[in-house]
Amino acid sequence: MKLRELAHSRTGDKGNTSNLSLIAFDPGHYDHLKTHVTEASVKTLFAELVKGDVVRYELPQLGAFNFVMKLALGGGVTRSLALDAHGKSLSSALLDMDIPEPSA
């Protein structure tokens, strides 16, 4: 199933760092997302873009995660030649990730 069926996402940027939030529609899916949307899986998904570390911050009270991706925006908005220098489309790409369906 696509991640977008269980969560929504927003993207932000600061310099050459991209910040992705992932928020479960149903807090009951938090542990499932925690298991399947890891630092490693996000780093793999964005391997061609992210040249630095990916750090996941967990916000269980909100049913959410924050992924900070270093060296992810081609040098930052004022240096990048990318069409999406702010990385706003990265949230859509994250939500296109395939994950297993939660057990009923």
PDB file of N, CA and C in Angstrom:
ATOM      1  N   MET A   1       0.841  -1.171   0.000  1.00  0.00           N
ATOM      2  CA  MET A   1       0.000   0.000   0.000  1.00  0.00           C
ATOM      3  C   MET A   1       0.891   1.241   0.000  1.00  0.00           C
ATOM      4  N   LYS A   2       0.348   2.337  -0.448  1.00  0.00           N
ATOM      5  CA  LYS A   2       1.086   3.595  -0.447  1.00  0.00           C
ATOM      6  C   LYS A   2       0.984   4.257   0.927  1.00  0.00           C
ATOM      7  N   LEU A   3       2.062   4.845   1.355  1.00  0.00           N
ATOM      8  CA  LEU A   3       2.119   5.532   2.644  1.00  0.00           C
ATOM      9  C   LEU A   3       1.026   6.591   2.744  1.00  0.00           C
ATOM     10  N   ARG A   4       0.673   7.217   1.627  1.00  0.00           N
ATOM     11  CA  ARG A   4      -0.343   8.276   1.623  1.00  0.00           C
ATOM     12  C   ARG A   4      -1.712   7.798   2.112  1.00  0.00           C
ATOM     13  N   GLU A   5      -1.918   6.489   2.160  1.00  0.00           N
ATOM     14  CA  GLU A   5      -3.188   5.966   2.650  1.00  0.00           C
ATOM     15  C   GLU A   5      -3.276   6.010   4.183  1.00  0.00           C
ATOM     16  N   LEU A   6      -2.120   6.148   4.843  1.00  0.00           N
ATOM     17  CA  LEU A   6      -2.093   6.145   6.311  1.00  0.00           C
ATOM     18  C   LEU A   6      -1.656   7.470   6.930  1.00  0.00           C
ATOM     19  N   ALA A   7      -1.074   8.360   6.104  1.00  0.00           N
ATOM     20  CA  ALA A   7      -0.486   9.567   6.689  1.00  0.00           C
ATOM     21  C   ALA A   7      -0.450  10.709   5.678  1.00  0.00           C
ATOM     22  N   HIS A   8      -0.206  11.898   6.207  1.00  0.00           N
ATOM     23  CA  HIS A   8       0.050  13.055   5.349  1.00  0.00           C
ATOM     24  C   HIS A   8       1.401  13.639   5.730  1.00  0.00           C
ATOM     25  N   SER A   9       1.900  14.561   4.905  1.00  0.00           N
ATOM     26  CA  SER A   9       3.255  15.055   5.084  1.00  0.00           C
ATOM     27  C   SER A   9       3.353  16.513   4.658  1.00  0.00           C
ATOM     28  N   ARG A  10       4.320  17.211   5.250  1.00  0.00           N
ATOM     29  CA  ARG A  10       4.664  18.578   4.841  1.00  0.00           C
ATOM     30  C   ARG A  10       6.184  18.662   4.770  1.00  0.00           C
ATOM     31  N   THR A  11       6.657  19.577   3.967  1.00  0.00           N
ATOM     32  CA  THR A  11       8.095  19.741   3.783  1.00  0.00           C
ATOM     33  C   THR A  11       8.500  21.168   4.110  1.00  0.00           C
ATOM     34  N   GLY A  12       9.680  21.301   4.702  1.00  0.00           N
ATOM     35  CA  GLY A  12      10.267  22.607   4.941  1.00  0.00           C
ATOM     36  C   GLY A  12      11.741  22.548   4.594  1.00  0.00           C
ATOM     37  N   ASP A  13      12.397  23.699   4.583  1.00  0.00           N
ATOM     38  CA  ASP A  13      13.824  23.713   4.271  1.00  0.00           C
ATOM     39  C   ASP A  13      14.513  24.811   5.061  1.00  0.00           C
ATOM     40  N   LYS A  14      15.784  24.601   5.288  1.00  0.00           N
ATOM     41  CA  LYS A  14      16.656  25.592   5.892  1.00  0.00           C
ATOM     42  C   LYS A  14      18.030  25.357   5.305  1.00  0.00           C
ATOM     43  N   GLY A  15      18.442  26.239   4.429  1.00  0.00           N
ATOM     44  CA  GLY A  15      19.732  26.055   3.768  1.00  0.00           C
ATOM     45  C   GLY A  15      19.716  24.798   2.918  1.00  0.00           C
ATOM     46  N   ASN A  16      20.639  23.910   3.187  1.00  0.00           N
ATOM     47  CA  ASN A  16      20.774  22.672   2.412  1.00  0.00           C
ATOM     48  C   ASN A  16      20.155  21.481   3.153  1.00  0.00           C
ATOM     49  N   THR A  17      19.277  21.772   4.106  1.00  0.00           N
ATOM     50  CA  THR A  17      18.628  20.732   4.899  1.00  0.00           C
ATOM     51  C   THR A  17      17.134  20.729   4.604  1.00  0.00           C
ATOM     52  N   SER A  18      16.606  19.536   4.353  1.00  0.00           N
ATOM     53  CA  SER A  18      15.168  19.388   4.145  1.00  0.00           C
ATOM     54  C   SER A  18      14.558  18.732   5.376  1.00  0.00           C
ATOM     55  N   ASN A  19      13.367  19.167   5.710  1.00  0.00           N
ATOM     56  CA  ASN A  19      12.661  18.718   6.892  1.00  0.00           C
ATOM     57  C   ASN A  19      11.310  18.173   6.441  1.00  0.00           C
ATOM     58  N   LEU A  20      11.058  16.884   6.696  1.00  0.00           N
ATOM     59  CA  LEU A  20       9.808  16.238   6.285  1.00  0.00           C
ATOM     60  C   LEU A  20       9.022  15.797   7.515  1.00  0.00           C
ATOM     61  N   SER A  21       7.798  16.253   7.629  1.00  0.00           N
ATOM     62  CA  SER A  21       6.935  15.730   8.679  1.00  0.00           C
ATOM     63  C   SER A  21       6.121  14.579   8.101  1.00  0.00           C
ATOM     64  N   LEU A  22       5.780  13.627   8.939  1.00  0.00           N
ATOM     65  CA  LEU A  22       4.905  12.521   8.569  1.00  0.00           C
ATOM     66  C   LEU A  22       3.923  12.355   9.721  1.00  0.00           C
ATOM     67  N   ILE A  23       2.630  12.558   9.434  1.00  0.00           N
ATOM     68  CA  ILE A  23       1.615  12.551  10.469  1.00  0.00           C
ATOM     69  C   ILE A  23       0.560  11.503  10.132  1.00  0.00           C
ATOM     70  N   ALA A  24       0.358  10.568  11.048  1.00  0.00           N
ATOM     71  CA  ALA A  24      -0.632   9.508  10.841  1.00  0.00           C
ATOM     72  C   ALA A  24      -2.037  10.094  10.874  1.00  0.00           C
ATOM     73  N   PHE A  25      -2.881   9.659   9.944  1.00  0.00           N
ATOM     74  CA  PHE A  25      -4.292  10.043   9.997  1.00  0.00           C
ATOM     75  C   PHE A  25      -4.932   9.457  11.254  1.00  0.00           C
ATOM     76  N   ASP A  26      -4.567   8.227  11.574  1.00  0.00           N
ATOM     77  CA  ASP A  26      -5.088   7.506  12.739  1.00  0.00           C
ATOM     78  C   ASP A  26      -3.905   7.214  13.662  1.00  0.00           C
ATOM     79  N   PRO A  27      -3.876   7.787  14.865  1.00  0.00           N
ATOM     80  CA  PRO A  27      -2.755   7.541  15.773  1.00  0.00           C
ATOM     81  C   PRO A  27      -2.512   6.052  16.039  1.00  0.00           C
ATOM     82  N   GLY A  28      -3.518   5.213  15.803  1.00  0.00           N
ATOM     83  CA  GLY A  28      -3.356   3.773  15.965  1.00  0.00           C
ATOM     84  C   GLY A  28      -2.381   3.167  14.972  1.00  0.00           C
ATOM     85  N   HIS A  29      -2.052   3.908  13.927  1.00  0.00           N
ATOM     86  CA  HIS A  29      -1.086   3.418  12.931  1.00  0.00           C
ATOM     87  C   HIS A  29       0.349   3.882  13.223  1.00  0.00           C
ATOM     88  N   TYR A  30       0.526   4.614  14.315  1.00  0.00           N
ATOM     89  CA  TYR A  30       1.847   5.163  14.647  1.00  0.00           C
ATOM     90  C   TYR A  30       2.921   4.073  14.720  1.00  0.00           C
ATOM     91  N   ASP A  31       2.678   3.000  15.450  1.00  0.00           N
ATOM     92  CA  ASP A  31       3.689   1.946  15.596  1.00  0.00           C
ATOM     93  C   ASP A  31       3.990   1.267  14.261  1.00  0.00           C
ATOM     94  N   HIS A  32       2.984   1.119  13.423  1.00  0.00           N
ATOM     95  CA  HIS A  32       3.194   0.533  12.092  1.00  0.00           C
ATOM     96  C   HIS A  32       4.106   1.449  11.265  1.00  0.00           C
ATOM     97  N   LEU A  33       3.844   2.730  11.300  1.00  0.00           N
ATOM     98  CA  LEU A  33       4.692   3.684  10.577  1.00  0.00           C
ATOM     99  C   LEU A  33       6.104   3.696  11.167  1.00  0.00           C
ATOM    100  N   LYS A  34       6.192   3.621  12.483  1.00  0.00           N
ATOM    101  CA  LYS A  34       7.504   3.611  13.152  1.00  0.00           C
ATOM    102  C   LYS A  34       8.345   2.428  12.679  1.00  0.00           C
ATOM    103  N   THR A  35       7.702   1.297  12.458  1.00  0.00           N
ATOM    104  CA  THR A  35       8.411   0.098  12.010  1.00  0.00           C
ATOM    105  C   THR A  35       8.844   0.190  10.554  1.00  0.00           C
ATOM    106  N   HIS A  36       8.014   0.782   9.706  1.00  0.00           N
ATOM    107  CA  HIS A  36       8.244   0.700   8.268  1.00  0.00           C
ATOM    108  C   HIS A  36       8.779   1.969   7.608  1.00  0.00           C
ATOM    109  N   VAL A  37       8.705   3.099   8.289  1.00  0.00           N
ATOM    110  CA  VAL A  37       9.250   4.339   7.723  1.00  0.00           C
ATOM    111  C   VAL A  37      10.411   4.760   8.625  1.00  0.00           C
ATOM    112  N   THR A  38      11.563   4.220   8.319  1.00  0.00           N
ATOM    113  CA  THR A  38      12.751   4.387   9.152  1.00  0.00           C
ATOM    114  C   THR A  38      13.716   5.390   8.518  1.00  0.00           C
ATOM    115  N   GLU A  39      14.740   5.745   9.272  1.00  0.00           N
ATOM    116  CA  GLU A  39      15.793   6.587   8.716  1.00  0.00           C
ATOM    117  C   GLU A  39      16.386   5.936   7.466  1.00  0.00           C
ATOM    118  N   ALA A  40      16.626   4.621   7.553  1.00  0.00           N
ATOM    119  CA  ALA A  40      17.234   3.897   6.428  1.00  0.00           C
ATOM    120  C   ALA A  40      16.310   3.867   5.209  1.00  0.00           C
ATOM    121  N   SER A  41      15.010   3.638   5.422  1.00  0.00           N
ATOM    122  CA  SER A  41      14.108   3.566   4.268  1.00  0.00           C
ATOM    123  C   SER A  41      13.933   4.935   3.602  1.00  0.00           C
ATOM    124  N   VAL A  42      13.931   6.001   4.385  1.00  0.00           N
ATOM    125  CA  VAL A  42      13.830   7.350   3.822  1.00  0.00           C
ATOM    126  C   VAL A  42      15.124   7.699   3.091  1.00  0.00           C
ATOM    127  N   LYS A  43      16.261   7.350   3.681  1.00  0.00           N
ATOM    128  CA  LYS A  43      17.554   7.597   3.027  1.00  0.00           C
ATOM    129  C   LYS A  43      17.622   6.850   1.691  1.00  0.00           C
ATOM    130  N   THR A  44      17.149   5.612   1.657  1.00  0.00           N
ATOM    131  CA  THR A  44      17.136   4.833   0.421  1.00  0.00           C
ATOM    132  C   THR A  44      16.213   5.467  -0.610  1.00  0.00           C
ATOM    133  N   LEU A  45      15.034   5.895  -0.186  1.00  0.00           N
ATOM    134  CA  LEU A  45      14.078   6.516  -1.098  1.00  0.00           C
ATOM    135  C   LEU A  45      14.661   7.750  -1.768  1.00  0.00           C
ATOM    136  N   PHE A  46      15.406   8.540  -1.011  1.00  0.00           N
ATOM    137  CA  PHE A  46      15.964   9.788  -1.529  1.00  0.00           C
ATOM    138  C   PHE A  46      17.466   9.706  -1.783  1.00  0.00           C
ATOM    139  N   ALA A  47      17.968   8.510  -2.054  1.00  0.00           N
ATOM    140  CA  ALA A  47      19.412   8.288  -2.191  1.00  0.00           C
ATOM    141  C   ALA A  47      20.076   9.206  -3.216  1.00  0.00           C
ATOM    142  N   GLU A  48      19.388   9.515  -4.287  1.00  0.00           N
ATOM    143  CA  GLU A  48      20.000  10.359  -5.316  1.00  0.00           C
ATOM    144  C   GLU A  48      20.016  11.834  -4.930  1.00  0.00           C
ATOM    145  N   LEU A  49      19.208  12.220  -3.964  1.00  0.00           N
ATOM    146  CA  LEU A  49      19.135  13.621  -3.550  1.00  0.00           C
ATOM    147  C   LEU A  49      19.867  13.904  -2.257  1.00  0.00           C
ATOM    148  N   VAL A  50      19.728  13.008  -1.284  1.00  0.00           N
ATOM    149  CA  VAL A  50      20.256  13.251   0.055  1.00  0.00           C
ATOM    150  C   VAL A  50      21.678  12.723   0.154  1.00  0.00           C
ATOM    151  N   LYS A  51      22.608  13.642   0.341  1.00  0.00           N
ATOM    152  CA  LYS A  51      24.027  13.266   0.426  1.00  0.00           C
ATOM    153  C   LYS A  51      24.515  13.179   1.865  1.00  0.00           C
ATOM    154  N   GLY A  52      23.694  13.615   2.801  1.00  0.00           N
ATOM    155  CA  GLY A  52      24.061  13.574   4.217  1.00  0.00           C
ATOM    156  C   GLY A  52      23.205  12.581   4.986  1.00  0.00           C
ATOM    157  N   ASP A  53      23.189  12.747   6.285  1.00  0.00           N
ATOM    158  CA  ASP A  53      22.434  11.859   7.172  1.00  0.00           C
ATOM    159  C   ASP A  53      20.942  12.165   7.143  1.00  0.00           C
ATOM    160  N   VAL A  54      20.164  11.154   7.474  1.00  0.00           N
ATOM    161  CA  VAL A  54      18.729  11.307   7.718  1.00  0.00           C
ATOM    162  C   VAL A  54      18.508  10.958   9.185  1.00  0.00           C
ATOM    163  N   VAL A  55      17.887  11.868   9.921  1.00  0.00           N
ATOM    164  CA  VAL A  55      17.589  11.652  11.337  1.00  0.00           C
ATOM    165  C   VAL A  55      16.078  11.693  11.519  1.00  0.00           C
ATOM    166  N   ARG A  56      15.542  10.701  12.217  1.00  0.00           N
ATOM    167  CA  ARG A  56      14.102  10.663  12.499  1.00  0.00           C
ATOM    168  C   ARG A  56      13.863  11.058  13.952  1.00  0.00           C
ATOM    169  N   TYR A  57      12.975  12.027  14.138  1.00  0.00           N
ATOM    170  CA  TYR A  57      12.535  12.423  15.465  1.00  0.00           C
ATOM    171  C   TYR A  57      11.109  11.908  15.633  1.00  0.00           C
ATOM    172  N   GLU A  58      10.845  11.269  16.760  1.00  0.00           N
ATOM    173  CA  GLU A  58       9.549  10.653  17.013  1.00  0.00           C
ATOM    174  C   GLU A  58       8.705  11.544  17.917  1.00  0.00           C
ATOM    175  N   LEU A  59       7.437  11.713  17.541  1.00  0.00           N
ATOM    176  CA  LEU A  59       6.492  12.514  18.301  1.00  0.00           C
ATOM    177  C   LEU A  59       5.238  11.671  18.561  1.00  0.00           C
ATOM    178  N   PRO A  60       5.359  10.665  19.435  1.00  0.00           N
ATOM    179  CA  PRO A  60       4.247   9.729  19.627  1.00  0.00           C
ATOM    180  C   PRO A  60       2.960  10.388  20.115  1.00  0.00           C
ATOM    181  N   GLN A  61       3.068  11.454  20.902  1.00  0.00           N
ATOM    182  CA  GLN A  61       1.864  12.117  21.398  1.00  0.00           C
ATOM    183  C   GLN A  61       1.047  12.714  20.255  1.00  0.00           C
ATOM    184  N   LEU A  62       1.723  13.035  19.148  1.00  0.00           N
ATOM    185  CA  LEU A  62       1.058  13.612  17.979  1.00  0.00           C
ATOM    186  C   LEU A  62       0.815  12.576  16.882  1.00  0.00           C
ATOM    187  N   GLY A  63       1.324  11.361  17.074  1.00  0.00           N
ATOM    188  CA  GLY A  63       1.229  10.355  16.023  1.00  0.00           C
ATOM    189  C   GLY A  63       2.045  10.763  14.811  1.00  0.00           C
ATOM    190  N   ALA A  64       3.200  11.376  15.064  1.00  0.00           N
ATOM    191  CA  ALA A  64       3.964  11.990  13.982  1.00  0.00           C
ATOM    192  C   ALA A  64       5.464  11.726  14.094  1.00  0.00           C
ATOM    193  N   PHE A  65       6.142  12.000  12.990  1.00  0.00           N
ATOM    194  CA  PHE A  65       7.600  11.903  12.901  1.00  0.00           C
ATOM    195  C   PHE A  65       8.106  13.136  12.176  1.00  0.00           C
ATOM    196  N   ASN A  66       9.350  13.483  12.437  1.00  0.00           N
ATOM    197  CA  ASN A  66      10.010  14.546  11.699  1.00  0.00           C
ATOM    198  C   ASN A  66      11.330  13.970  11.186  1.00  0.00           C
ATOM    199  N   PHE A  67      11.514  13.992   9.882  1.00  0.00           N
ATOM    200  CA  PHE A  67      12.747  13.523   9.265  1.00  0.00           C
ATOM    201  C   PHE A  67      13.563  14.732   8.827  1.00  0.00           C
ATOM    202  N   VAL A  68      14.797  14.806   9.307  1.00  0.00           N
ATOM    203  CA  VAL A  68      15.706  15.876   8.928  1.00  0.00           C
ATOM    204  C   VAL A  68      16.754  15.260   8.010  1.00  0.00           C
ATOM    205  N   MET A  69      16.828  15.793   6.794  1.00  0.00           N
ATOM    206  CA  MET A  69      17.732  15.251   5.774  1.00  0.00           C
ATOM    207  C   MET A  69      18.789  16.306   5.444  1.00  0.00           C
ATOM    208  N   LYS A  70      20.028  16.002   5.810  1.00  0.00           N
ATOM    209  CA  LYS A  70      21.146  16.926   5.603  1.00  0.00           C
ATOM    210  C   LYS A  70      21.687  16.796   4.179  1.00  0.00           C
ATOM    211  N   LEU A  71      22.219  17.887   3.669  1.00  0.00           N
ATOM    212  CA  LEU A  71      22.796  17.929   2.319  1.00  0.00           C
ATOM    213  C   LEU A  71      21.807  17.381   1.293  1.00  0.00           C
ATOM    214  N   ALA A  72      20.600  17.935   1.322  1.00  0.00           N
ATOM    215  CA  ALA A  72      19.509  17.371   0.531  1.00  0.00           C
ATOM    216  C   ALA A  72      18.991  18.281  -0.579  1.00  0.00           C
ATOM    217  N   LEU A  73      19.458  19.524  -0.620  1.00  0.00           N
ATOM    218  CA  LEU A  73      18.840  20.471  -1.550  1.00  0.00           C
ATOM    219  C   LEU A  73      19.842  21.089  -2.530  1.00  0.00           C
ATOM    220  N   GLY A  74      20.837  20.325  -2.889  1.00  0.00           N
ATOM    221  CA  GLY A  74      21.784  20.799  -3.902  1.00  0.00           C
ATOM    222  C   GLY A  74      22.497  22.080  -3.541  1.00  0.00           C
ATOM    223  N   GLY A  75      22.753  22.286  -2.260  1.00  0.00           N
ATOM    224  CA  GLY A  75      23.463  23.478  -1.816  1.00  0.00           C
ATOM    225  C   GLY A  75      22.558  24.518  -1.184  1.00  0.00           C
ATOM    226  N   GLY A  76      21.268  24.357  -1.314  1.00  0.00           N
ATOM    227  CA  GLY A  76      20.312  25.316  -0.758  1.00  0.00           C
ATOM    228  C   GLY A  76      19.647  26.125  -1.864  1.00  0.00           C
ATOM    229  N   VAL A  77      18.615  26.848  -1.501  1.00  0.00           N
ATOM    230  CA  VAL A  77      17.772  27.551  -2.467  1.00  0.00           C
ATOM    231  C   VAL A  77      18.564  28.490  -3.369  1.00  0.00           C
ATOM    232  N   THR A  78      19.491  29.233  -2.811  1.00  0.00           N
ATOM    233  CA  THR A  78      20.211  30.217  -3.628  1.00  0.00           C
ATOM    234  C   THR A  78      21.334  29.610  -4.454  1.00  0.00           C
ATOM    235  N   ARG A  79      21.646  28.334  -4.244  1.00  0.00           N
ATOM    236  CA  ARG A  79      22.728  27.680  -4.981  1.00  0.00           C
ATOM    237  C   ARG A  79      22.257  26.563  -5.895  1.00  0.00           C
ATOM    238  N   SER A  80      21.126  25.999  -5.589  1.00  0.00           N
ATOM    239  CA  SER A  80      20.653  24.814  -6.296  1.00  0.00           C
ATOM    240  C   SER A  80      20.192  25.142  -7.715  1.00  0.00           C
ATOM    241  N   LEU A  81      20.473  24.235  -8.620  1.00  0.00           N
ATOM    242  CA  LEU A  81      19.969  24.344  -9.982  1.00  0.00           C
ATOM    243  C   LEU A  81      18.704  23.504 -10.159  1.00  0.00           C
ATOM    244  N   ALA A  82      18.235  22.904  -9.073  1.00  0.00           N
ATOM    245  CA  ALA A  82      17.053  22.042  -9.121  1.00  0.00           C
ATOM    246  C   ALA A  82      15.797  22.869  -9.411  1.00  0.00           C
ATOM    247  N   LEU A  83      14.873  22.268 -10.116  1.00  0.00           N
ATOM    248  CA  LEU A  83      13.598  22.917 -10.409  1.00  0.00           C
ATOM    249  C   LEU A  83      12.822  23.205  -9.119  1.00  0.00           C
ATOM    250  N   ASP A  84      12.926  22.294  -8.137  1.00  0.00           N
ATOM    251  CA  ASP A  84      12.257  22.445  -6.847  1.00  0.00           C
ATOM    252  C   ASP A  84      13.325  22.689  -5.776  1.00  0.00           C
ATOM    253  N   ALA A  85      13.904  23.863  -5.791  1.00  0.00           N
ATOM    254  CA  ALA A  85      15.027  24.168  -4.896  1.00  0.00           C
ATOM    255  C   ALA A  85      14.635  24.117  -3.421  1.00  0.00           C
ATOM    256  N   HIS A  86      13.366  24.391  -3.102  1.00  0.00           N
ATOM    257  CA  HIS A  86      12.899  24.326  -1.720  1.00  0.00           C
ATOM    258  C   HIS A  86      12.593  22.893  -1.286  1.00  0.00           C
ATOM    259  N   GLY A  87      12.490  21.964  -2.226  1.00  0.00           N
ATOM    260  CA  GLY A  87      12.191  20.573  -1.902  1.00  0.00           C
ATOM    261  C   GLY A  87      10.753  20.330  -1.499  1.00  0.00           C
ATOM    262  N   LYS A  88       9.837  21.205  -1.909  1.00  0.00           N
ATOM    263  CA  LYS A  88       8.431  21.062  -1.504  1.00  0.00           C
ATOM    264  C   LYS A  88       7.794  19.784  -2.035  1.00  0.00           C
ATOM    265  N   SER A  89       8.284  19.251  -3.139  1.00  0.00           N
ATOM    266  CA  SER A  89       7.702  18.031  -3.706  1.00  0.00           C
ATOM    267  C   SER A  89       8.177  16.765  -2.983  1.00  0.00           C
ATOM    268  N   LEU A  90       9.132  16.891  -2.079  1.00  0.00           N
ATOM    269  CA  LEU A  90       9.650  15.711  -1.378  1.00  0.00           C
ATOM    270  C   LEU A  90       8.583  15.044  -0.515  1.00  0.00           C
ATOM    271  N   SER A  91       7.638  15.818   0.003  1.00  0.00           N
ATOM    272  CA  SER A  91       6.575  15.208   0.808  1.00  0.00           C
ATOM    273  C   SER A  91       5.709  14.289  -0.055  1.00  0.00           C
ATOM    274  N   SER A  92       5.441  14.690  -1.287  1.00  0.00           N
ATOM    275  CA  SER A  92       4.663  13.831  -2.196  1.00  0.00           C
ATOM    276  C   SER A  92       5.435  12.566  -2.529  1.00  0.00           C
ATOM    277  N   ALA A  93       6.735  12.706  -2.716  1.00  0.00           N
ATOM    278  CA  ALA A  93       7.567  11.532  -3.012  1.00  0.00           C
ATOM    279  C   ALA A  93       7.590  10.577  -1.822  1.00  0.00           C
ATOM    280  N   LEU A  94       7.673  11.114  -0.602  1.00  0.00           N
ATOM    281  CA  LEU A  94       7.646  10.266   0.592  1.00  0.00           C
ATOM    282  C   LEU A  94       6.332   9.495   0.670  1.00  0.00           C
ATOM    283  N   LEU A  95       5.228  10.182   0.419  1.00  0.00           N
ATOM    284  CA  LEU A  95       3.918   9.540   0.524  1.00  0.00           C
ATOM    285  C   LEU A  95       3.680   8.495  -0.560  1.00  0.00           C
ATOM    286  N   ASP A  96       4.510   8.484  -1.572  1.00  0.00           N
ATOM    287  CA  ASP A  96       4.413   7.472  -2.628  1.00  0.00           C
ATOM    288  C   ASP A  96       5.160   6.185  -2.252  1.00  0.00           C
ATOM    289  N   MET A  97       5.835   6.185  -1.097  1.00  0.00           N
ATOM    290  CA  MET A  97       6.565   5.004  -0.629  1.00  0.00           C
ATOM    291  C   MET A  97       5.598   3.843  -0.394  1.00  0.00           C
ATOM    292  N   ASP A  98       6.017   2.655  -0.788  1.00  0.00           N
ATOM    293  CA  ASP A  98       5.232   1.451  -0.527  1.00  0.00           C
ATOM    294  C   ASP A  98       5.596   0.887   0.838  1.00  0.00           C
ATOM    295  N   ILE A  99       4.572   0.573   1.616  1.00  0.00           N
ATOM    296  CA  ILE A  99       4.765  -0.083   2.923  1.00  0.00           C
ATOM    297  C   ILE A  99       3.726  -1.195   3.026  1.00  0.00           C
ATOM    298  N   PRO A 100       3.977  -2.184   3.891  1.00  0.00           N
ATOM    299  CA  PRO A 100       2.983  -3.243   4.085  1.00  0.00           C
ATOM    300  C   PRO A 100       1.701  -2.688   4.715  1.00  0.00           C
ATOM    301  N   GLU A 101       0.600  -3.338   4.446  1.00  0.00           N
ATOM    302  CA  GLU A 101      -0.658  -2.951   5.083  1.00  0.00           C
ATOM    303  C   GLU A 101      -0.608  -3.321   6.555  1.00  0.00           C
ATOM    304  N   PRO A 102      -1.201  -2.485   7.411  1.00  0.00           N
ATOM    305  CA  PRO A 102      -1.262  -2.858   8.819  1.00  0.00           C
ATOM    306  C   PRO A 102      -2.164  -4.067   9.023  1.00  0.00           C
ATOM    307  N   SER A 103      -1.844  -4.867  10.019  1.00  0.00           N
ATOM    308  CA  SER A 103      -2.716  -6.008  10.318  1.00  0.00           C
ATOM    309  C   SER A 103      -3.983  -5.498  10.988  1.00  0.00           C
ATOM    310  N   ALA A 104      -5.060  -6.164  10.725  1.00  0.00           N
ATOM    311  CA  ALA A 104      -6.372  -5.709  11.220  1.00  0.00           C
ATOM    312  C   ALA A 104      -6.551  -5.873  12.690  1.00  0.00           C
TER     313      ALA A 104
END
